[in-house]
């Protein structure tokens, strides 16, 4: 299993050998550092916690937590479950560095991030409702949801598709292909689109 944290830089495009356009997303991935290792004997499951980013200030609690790994300041901490506590057959220890070199071109990865927030939206945008007819007496109701309940049980059933807040949810995209690995600048070029706005934190698994 491979994993790393990164920030979404934006989208671009490259061309293959036949001149076909390939849309890509650029991710600033790592370097990350191992800040905690959990084991089945002590914590009942195996996992590795890694940190990413340079923080200006950290709380005293976080400072004490990072001190065990001999690291000073990190912005993000995330935990990855890993049965073998390894990456590419290399056993990880506290303070070890993880960079983009763990990935190779043509690797298939899974990327998780927070989708763009779209605020409070109606049913047409949020759930793709068709809306009411545009003629035959319809007035000021083109985008209304229509009836939301019935005679029984005299209330709106829980889970009914209604207007509400849209976006800002954790989204995972699978089977994305790594097109380029820039070791010098810690950048991954991934084929296709990735959830979230520019600058959002991404969890990348291989």
C-alpha atoms as a PDB file:
ATOM      1  CA  UNK A   1       0.000   0.000   0.000  1.00  0.00           C
ATOM      2  CA  UNK A   2       1.209   3.525  -0.870  1.00  0.00           C
ATOM      3  CA  UNK A   3      -0.145   6.759   0.595  1.00  0.00           C
ATOM      4  CA  UNK A   4       0.688  10.446   0.842  1.00  0.00           C
ATOM      5  CA  UNK A   5      -0.968  13.805   1.550  1.00  0.00           C
ATOM      6  CA  UNK A   6      -1.038  16.663  -0.928  1.00  0.00           C
ATOM      7  CA  UNK A   7      -2.584  19.976  -1.953  1.00  0.00           C
ATOM      8  CA  UNK A   8      -4.521  20.499  -5.185  1.00  0.00           C
ATOM      9  CA  UNK A   9      -2.689  23.033  -7.366  1.00  0.00           C
ATOM     10  CA  UNK A  10      -5.113  23.134 -10.303  1.00  0.00           C
ATOM     11  CA  UNK A  11      -5.722  21.587 -13.701  1.00  0.00           C
ATOM     12  CA  UNK A  12      -3.715  21.576 -16.917  1.00  0.00           C
ATOM     13  CA  UNK A  13      -3.254  19.374 -19.978  1.00  0.00           C
ATOM     14  CA  UNK A  14      -0.593  17.322 -21.729  1.00  0.00           C
ATOM     15  CA  UNK A  15      -0.432  15.604 -25.118  1.00  0.00           C
ATOM     16  CA  UNK A  16       0.266  11.929 -25.802  1.00  0.00           C
ATOM     17  CA  UNK A  17       2.329  10.470 -28.672  1.00  0.00           C
ATOM     18  CA  UNK A  18      -0.610  10.801 -31.095  1.00  0.00           C
ATOM     19  CA  UNK A  19      -1.238  14.431 -30.168  1.00  0.00           C
ATOM     20  CA  UNK A  20      -4.376  13.654 -28.159  1.00  0.00           C
ATOM     21  CA  UNK A  21      -5.144  16.033 -25.284  1.00  0.00           C
ATOM     22  CA  UNK A  22      -5.071  14.490 -21.794  1.00  0.00           C
ATOM     23  CA  UNK A  23      -6.562  16.600 -18.960  1.00  0.00           C
ATOM     24  CA  UNK A  24      -4.505  16.394 -15.770  1.00  0.00           C
ATOM     25  CA  UNK A  25      -4.686  17.659 -12.187  1.00  0.00           C
ATOM     26  CA  UNK A  26      -1.471  18.820 -10.529  1.00  0.00           C
ATOM     27  CA  UNK A  27      -0.975  17.874  -6.869  1.00  0.00           C
ATOM     28  CA  UNK A  28       1.774  19.107  -4.554  1.00  0.00           C
ATOM     29  CA  UNK A  29       2.342  15.819  -2.720  1.00  0.00           C
ATOM     30  CA  UNK A  30       4.552  15.742   0.352  1.00  0.00           C
ATOM     31  CA  UNK A  31       7.061  15.571   1.720  1.00  0.00           C
ATOM     32  CA  UNK A  32       5.207  13.933   4.612  1.00  0.00           C
ATOM     33  CA  UNK A  33       6.589  12.596   7.877  1.00  0.00           C
ATOM     34  CA  UNK A  34       5.530   9.628  10.023  1.00  0.00           C
ATOM     35  CA  UNK A  35       4.230  11.095  13.295  1.00  0.00           C
ATOM     36  CA  UNK A  36       2.687   8.011  14.916  1.00  0.00           C
ATOM     37  CA  UNK A  37       2.560   4.241  14.417  1.00  0.00           C
ATOM     38  CA  UNK A  38      -0.301   2.215  15.878  1.00  0.00           C
ATOM     39  CA  UNK A  39      -0.063  -1.567  16.304  1.00  0.00           C
ATOM     40  CA  UNK A  40      -2.544  -4.368  17.000  1.00  0.00           C
ATOM     41  CA  UNK A  41      -0.841  -5.201  20.296  1.00  0.00           C
ATOM     42  CA  UNK A  42      -1.195  -1.688  21.700  1.00  0.00           C
ATOM     43  CA  UNK A  43      -4.072  -0.065  19.749  1.00  0.00           C
ATOM     44  CA  UNK A  44      -5.978  -3.138  18.419  1.00  0.00           C
ATOM     45  CA  UNK A  45      -5.275  -2.209  14.771  1.00  0.00           C
ATOM     46  CA  UNK A  46      -2.337  -1.259  12.555  1.00  0.00           C
ATOM     47  CA  UNK A  47      -2.134   2.242  11.148  1.00  0.00           C
ATOM     48  CA  UNK A  48       0.328   4.984  10.276  1.00  0.00           C
ATOM     49  CA  UNK A  49      -0.264   8.665  10.991  1.00  0.00           C
ATOM     50  CA  UNK A  50       1.550  11.103   8.718  1.00  0.00           C
ATOM     51  CA  UNK A  51       1.870  14.882   8.779  1.00  0.00           C
ATOM     52  CA  UNK A  52       2.188  17.427   5.999  1.00  0.00           C
ATOM     53  CA  UNK A  53       2.761  21.174   5.601  1.00  0.00           C
ATOM     54  CA  UNK A  54       4.744  23.861   7.392  1.00  0.00           C
ATOM     55  CA  UNK A  55       2.831  25.526  10.232  1.00  0.00           C
ATOM     56  CA  UNK A  56       3.725  28.917  11.702  1.00  0.00           C
ATOM     57  CA  UNK A  57       2.320  27.958  15.100  1.00  0.00           C
ATOM     58  CA  UNK A  58       1.153  24.717  16.723  1.00  0.00           C
ATOM     59  CA  UNK A  59      -0.622  24.026  20.001  1.00  0.00           C
ATOM     60  CA  UNK A  60       1.336  22.706  22.985  1.00  0.00           C
ATOM     61  CA  UNK A  61      -0.524  19.379  22.716  1.00  0.00           C
ATOM     62  CA  UNK A  62       0.455  18.953  19.060  1.00  0.00           C
ATOM     63  CA  UNK A  63       3.987  20.121  19.814  1.00  0.00           C
ATOM     64  CA  UNK A  64       4.324  17.365  22.411  1.00  0.00           C
ATOM     65  CA  UNK A  65       2.851  14.803  20.014  1.00  0.00           C
ATOM     66  CA  UNK A  66       5.303  15.730  17.225  1.00  0.00           C
ATOM     67  CA  UNK A  67       8.262  15.802  19.618  1.00  0.00           C
ATOM     68  CA  UNK A  68       8.231  11.986  19.762  1.00  0.00           C
ATOM     69  CA  UNK A  69       8.959  11.901  16.022  1.00  0.00           C
ATOM     70  CA  UNK A  70      11.525  14.749  16.346  1.00  0.00           C
ATOM     71  CA  UNK A  71       9.448  17.035  14.122  1.00  0.00           C
ATOM     72  CA  UNK A  72       8.609  20.631  14.983  1.00  0.00           C
ATOM     73  CA  UNK A  73       5.611  22.018  13.055  1.00  0.00           C
ATOM     74  CA  UNK A  74       3.056  20.381  10.739  1.00  0.00           C
ATOM     75  CA  UNK A  75      -0.311  21.662   9.509  1.00  0.00           C
ATOM     76  CA  UNK A  76      -2.197  18.461   8.624  1.00  0.00           C
ATOM     77  CA  UNK A  77      -2.260  15.046  10.309  1.00  0.00           C
ATOM     78  CA  UNK A  78      -4.033  12.062   8.756  1.00  0.00           C
ATOM     79  CA  UNK A  79      -4.130   8.352   9.597  1.00  0.00           C
ATOM     80  CA  UNK A  80      -3.903   5.493   7.082  1.00  0.00           C
ATOM     81  CA  UNK A  81      -4.748   1.919   8.038  1.00  0.00           C
ATOM     82  CA  UNK A  82      -1.944  -0.379   6.933  1.00  0.00           C
ATOM     83  CA  UNK A  83      -1.771  -4.064   7.850  1.00  0.00           C
ATOM     84  CA  UNK A  84       1.983  -4.375   7.224  1.00  0.00           C
ATOM     85  CA  UNK A  85       3.120  -0.882   8.335  1.00  0.00           C
ATOM     86  CA  UNK A  86       5.174  -0.665   5.129  1.00  0.00           C
ATOM     87  CA  UNK A  87       5.409   1.287   1.880  1.00  0.00           C
ATOM     88  CA  UNK A  88       6.940  -0.540  -1.114  1.00  0.00           C
ATOM     89  CA  UNK A  89       8.297  -3.240   1.250  1.00  0.00           C
ATOM     90  CA  UNK A  90      10.106  -0.607   3.335  1.00  0.00           C
ATOM     91  CA  UNK A  91       9.202  -0.740   7.030  1.00  0.00           C
ATOM     92  CA  UNK A  92       8.264   2.698   8.350  1.00  0.00           C
ATOM     93  CA  UNK A  93       9.496   4.220  11.602  1.00  0.00           C
ATOM     94  CA  UNK A  94       8.740   7.412  13.523  1.00  0.00           C
ATOM     95  CA  UNK A  95      10.074  10.460  11.716  1.00  0.00           C
ATOM     96  CA  UNK A  96      10.521   8.716   8.346  1.00  0.00           C
ATOM     97  CA  UNK A  97       9.990  10.879   5.269  1.00  0.00           C
ATOM     98  CA  UNK A  98       7.463   9.971   2.547  1.00  0.00           C
ATOM     99  CA  UNK A  99       7.678  11.772  -0.805  1.00  0.00           C
ATOM    100  CA  UNK A 100       6.365  11.369  -4.367  1.00  0.00           C
ATOM    101  CA  UNK A 101       9.046   8.780  -5.158  1.00  0.00           C
ATOM    102  CA  UNK A 102       6.729   6.094  -3.706  1.00  0.00           C
ATOM    103  CA  UNK A 103       4.593   6.486  -6.855  1.00  0.00           C
ATOM    104  CA  UNK A 104       5.522   5.708 -10.452  1.00  0.00           C
ATOM    105  CA  UNK A 105       4.062   6.681 -13.810  1.00  0.00           C
ATOM    106  CA  UNK A 106       0.998   4.609 -14.820  1.00  0.00           C
ATOM    107  CA  UNK A 107       0.193   3.744 -11.170  1.00  0.00           C
ATOM    108  CA  UNK A 108      -3.535   3.616 -10.386  1.00  0.00           C
ATOM    109  CA  UNK A 109      -4.457   5.655  -7.321  1.00  0.00           C
ATOM    110  CA  UNK A 110      -7.478   6.609  -5.219  1.00  0.00           C
ATOM    111  CA  UNK A 111      -7.857  10.278  -4.223  1.00  0.00           C
ATOM    112  CA  UNK A 112     -10.111  11.612  -1.439  1.00  0.00           C
ATOM    113  CA  UNK A 113     -10.911  15.272  -0.792  1.00  0.00           C
ATOM    114  CA  UNK A 114     -13.573  17.761   0.253  1.00  0.00           C
ATOM    115  CA  UNK A 115     -15.805  18.786  -2.655  1.00  0.00           C
ATOM    116  CA  UNK A 116     -16.552  22.430  -3.453  1.00  0.00           C
ATOM    117  CA  UNK A 117     -19.258  23.971  -1.278  1.00  0.00           C
ATOM    118  CA  UNK A 118     -22.218  25.323  -3.272  1.00  0.00           C
ATOM    119  CA  UNK A 119     -24.296  26.740  -0.431  1.00  0.00           C
ATOM    120  CA  UNK A 120     -28.063  26.309  -0.042  1.00  0.00           C
ATOM    121  CA  UNK A 121     -29.539  24.979  -3.290  1.00  0.00           C
ATOM    122  CA  UNK A 122     -32.953  23.979  -4.567  1.00  0.00           C
ATOM    123  CA  UNK A 123     -34.047  20.549  -5.761  1.00  0.00           C
ATOM    124  CA  UNK A 124     -33.377  21.243  -9.452  1.00  0.00           C
ATOM    125  CA  UNK A 125     -29.659  21.829  -8.895  1.00  0.00           C
ATOM    126  CA  UNK A 126     -29.211  19.572  -5.873  1.00  0.00           C
ATOM    127  CA  UNK A 127     -31.180  16.501  -7.023  1.00  0.00           C
ATOM    128  CA  UNK A 128     -31.653  17.184 -10.776  1.00  0.00           C
ATOM    129  CA  UNK A 129     -35.430  17.505 -10.575  1.00  0.00           C
ATOM    130  CA  UNK A 130     -37.063  18.442 -13.905  1.00  0.00           C
ATOM    131  CA  UNK A 131     -39.165  21.235 -12.407  1.00  0.00           C
ATOM    132  CA  UNK A 132     -42.765  22.106 -13.239  1.00  0.00           C
ATOM    133  CA  UNK A 133     -44.136  22.664 -16.776  1.00  0.00           C
ATOM    134  CA  UNK A 134     -43.297  26.085 -18.219  1.00  0.00           C
ATOM    135  CA  UNK A 135     -46.820  26.605 -19.678  1.00  0.00           C
ATOM    136  CA  UNK A 136     -50.503  25.881 -18.948  1.00  0.00           C
ATOM    137  CA  UNK A 137     -50.980  28.047 -15.901  1.00  0.00           C
ATOM    138  CA  UNK A 138     -47.694  27.420 -14.078  1.00  0.00           C
ATOM    139  CA  UNK A 139     -46.765  30.650 -12.298  1.00  0.00           C
ATOM    140  CA  UNK A 140     -43.748  31.274 -10.036  1.00  0.00           C
ATOM    141  CA  UNK A 141     -43.328  27.525  -9.515  1.00  0.00           C
ATOM    142  CA  UNK A 142     -40.930  26.468 -12.267  1.00  0.00           C
ATOM    143  CA  UNK A 143     -38.284  25.136  -9.859  1.00  0.00           C
ATOM    144  CA  UNK A 144     -40.423  24.086  -6.879  1.00  0.00           C
ATOM    145  CA  UNK A 145     -40.192  20.505  -5.547  1.00  0.00           C
ATOM    146  CA  UNK A 146     -43.946  19.869  -5.605  1.00  0.00           C
ATOM    147  CA  UNK A 147     -45.705  17.667  -3.059  1.00  0.00           C
ATOM    148  CA  UNK A 148     -43.446  16.388  -0.255  1.00  0.00           C
ATOM    149  CA  UNK A 149     -45.840  14.219   1.737  1.00  0.00           C
ATOM    150  CA  UNK A 150     -49.206  12.461   1.762  1.00  0.00           C
ATOM    151  CA  UNK A 151     -52.222  11.869   3.960  1.00  0.00           C
ATOM    152  CA  UNK A 152     -50.354   9.220   5.879  1.00  0.00           C
ATOM    153  CA  UNK A 153     -48.274   9.530   8.036  1.00  0.00           C
ATOM    154  CA  UNK A 154     -49.082  13.291   8.051  1.00  0.00           C
ATOM    155  CA  UNK A 155     -45.427  14.314   7.946  1.00  0.00           C
ATOM    156  CA  UNK A 156     -42.463  14.495   5.584  1.00  0.00           C
ATOM    157  CA  UNK A 157     -40.644  11.141   5.478  1.00  0.00           C
ATOM    158  CA  UNK A 158     -37.029  11.268   6.642  1.00  0.00           C
ATOM    159  CA  UNK A 159     -34.613  11.191   3.697  1.00  0.00           C
ATOM    160  CA  UNK A 160     -36.948  12.972   1.271  1.00  0.00           C
ATOM    161  CA  UNK A 161     -35.040  14.862  -1.429  1.00  0.00           C
ATOM    162  CA  UNK A 162     -35.416  18.497  -0.428  1.00  0.00           C
ATOM    163  CA  UNK A 163     -33.611  21.826  -0.819  1.00  0.00           C
ATOM    164  CA  UNK A 164     -30.560  22.159   1.425  1.00  0.00           C
ATOM    165  CA  UNK A 165     -26.828  22.647   1.677  1.00  0.00           C
ATOM    166  CA  UNK A 166     -24.924  21.189  -1.256  1.00  0.00           C
ATOM    167  CA  UNK A 167     -21.251  20.225  -1.539  1.00  0.00           C
ATOM    168  CA  UNK A 168     -18.508  20.335   1.127  1.00  0.00           C
ATOM    169  CA  UNK A 169     -18.650  16.533   1.382  1.00  0.00           C
ATOM    170  CA  UNK A 170     -15.887  13.957   1.351  1.00  0.00           C
ATOM    171  CA  UNK A 171     -15.589  12.539  -2.166  1.00  0.00           C
ATOM    172  CA  UNK A 172     -13.343   9.678  -3.309  1.00  0.00           C
ATOM    173  CA  UNK A 173     -12.379   9.095  -6.948  1.00  0.00           C
ATOM    174  CA  UNK A 174     -10.910   5.671  -7.786  1.00  0.00           C
ATOM    175  CA  UNK A 175      -8.675   4.353 -10.576  1.00  0.00           C
ATOM    176  CA  UNK A 176      -6.969   7.633 -11.449  1.00  0.00           C
ATOM    177  CA  UNK A 177      -3.756   7.205 -13.432  1.00  0.00           C
ATOM    178  CA  UNK A 178      -0.474   8.905 -12.494  1.00  0.00           C
ATOM    179  CA  UNK A 179       0.837  10.509 -15.690  1.00  0.00           C
ATOM    180  CA  UNK A 180       3.982  12.268 -14.414  1.00  0.00           C
ATOM    181  CA  UNK A 181       6.050  12.288 -11.206  1.00  0.00           C
ATOM    182  CA  UNK A 182       8.173  15.406 -10.586  1.00  0.00           C
ATOM    183  CA  UNK A 183      10.611  14.459  -7.807  1.00  0.00           C
ATOM    184  CA  UNK A 184      12.326  17.845  -7.805  1.00  0.00           C
ATOM    185  CA  UNK A 185       9.156  19.874  -7.145  1.00  0.00           C
ATOM    186  CA  UNK A 186       7.171  17.172  -5.271  1.00  0.00           C
ATOM    187  CA  UNK A 187       4.366  17.269  -7.865  1.00  0.00           C
ATOM    188  CA  UNK A 188       2.103  14.491  -9.148  1.00  0.00           C
ATOM    189  CA  UNK A 189       0.269  14.889 -12.464  1.00  0.00           C
ATOM    190  CA  UNK A 190      -2.905  12.788 -12.326  1.00  0.00           C
ATOM    191  CA  UNK A 191      -5.207  12.080 -15.276  1.00  0.00           C
ATOM    192  CA  UNK A 192      -8.681  13.554 -14.926  1.00  0.00           C
ATOM    193  CA  UNK A 193     -10.448  15.721 -12.360  1.00  0.00           C
ATOM    194  CA  UNK A 194     -10.107  15.552  -8.589  1.00  0.00           C
ATOM    195  CA  UNK A 195     -12.659  16.762  -6.006  1.00  0.00           C
ATOM    196  CA  UNK A 196     -12.288  20.132  -4.306  1.00  0.00           C
ATOM    197  CA  UNK A 197     -11.110  23.665  -4.933  1.00  0.00           C
ATOM    198  CA  UNK A 198      -7.504  24.757  -5.393  1.00  0.00           C
ATOM    199  CA  UNK A 199      -5.504  24.388  -2.194  1.00  0.00           C
ATOM    200  CA  UNK A 200      -7.721  21.636  -0.714  1.00  0.00           C
ATOM    201  CA  UNK A 201      -6.043  18.812   1.213  1.00  0.00           C
ATOM    202  CA  UNK A 202      -6.055  15.457  -0.622  1.00  0.00           C
ATOM    203  CA  UNK A 203      -5.452  11.932   0.638  1.00  0.00           C
ATOM    204  CA  UNK A 204      -3.764   9.816  -2.044  1.00  0.00           C
ATOM    205  CA  UNK A 205      -3.659   6.018  -1.847  1.00  0.00           C
ATOM    206  CA  UNK A 206      -2.029   3.589  -4.234  1.00  0.00           C
END
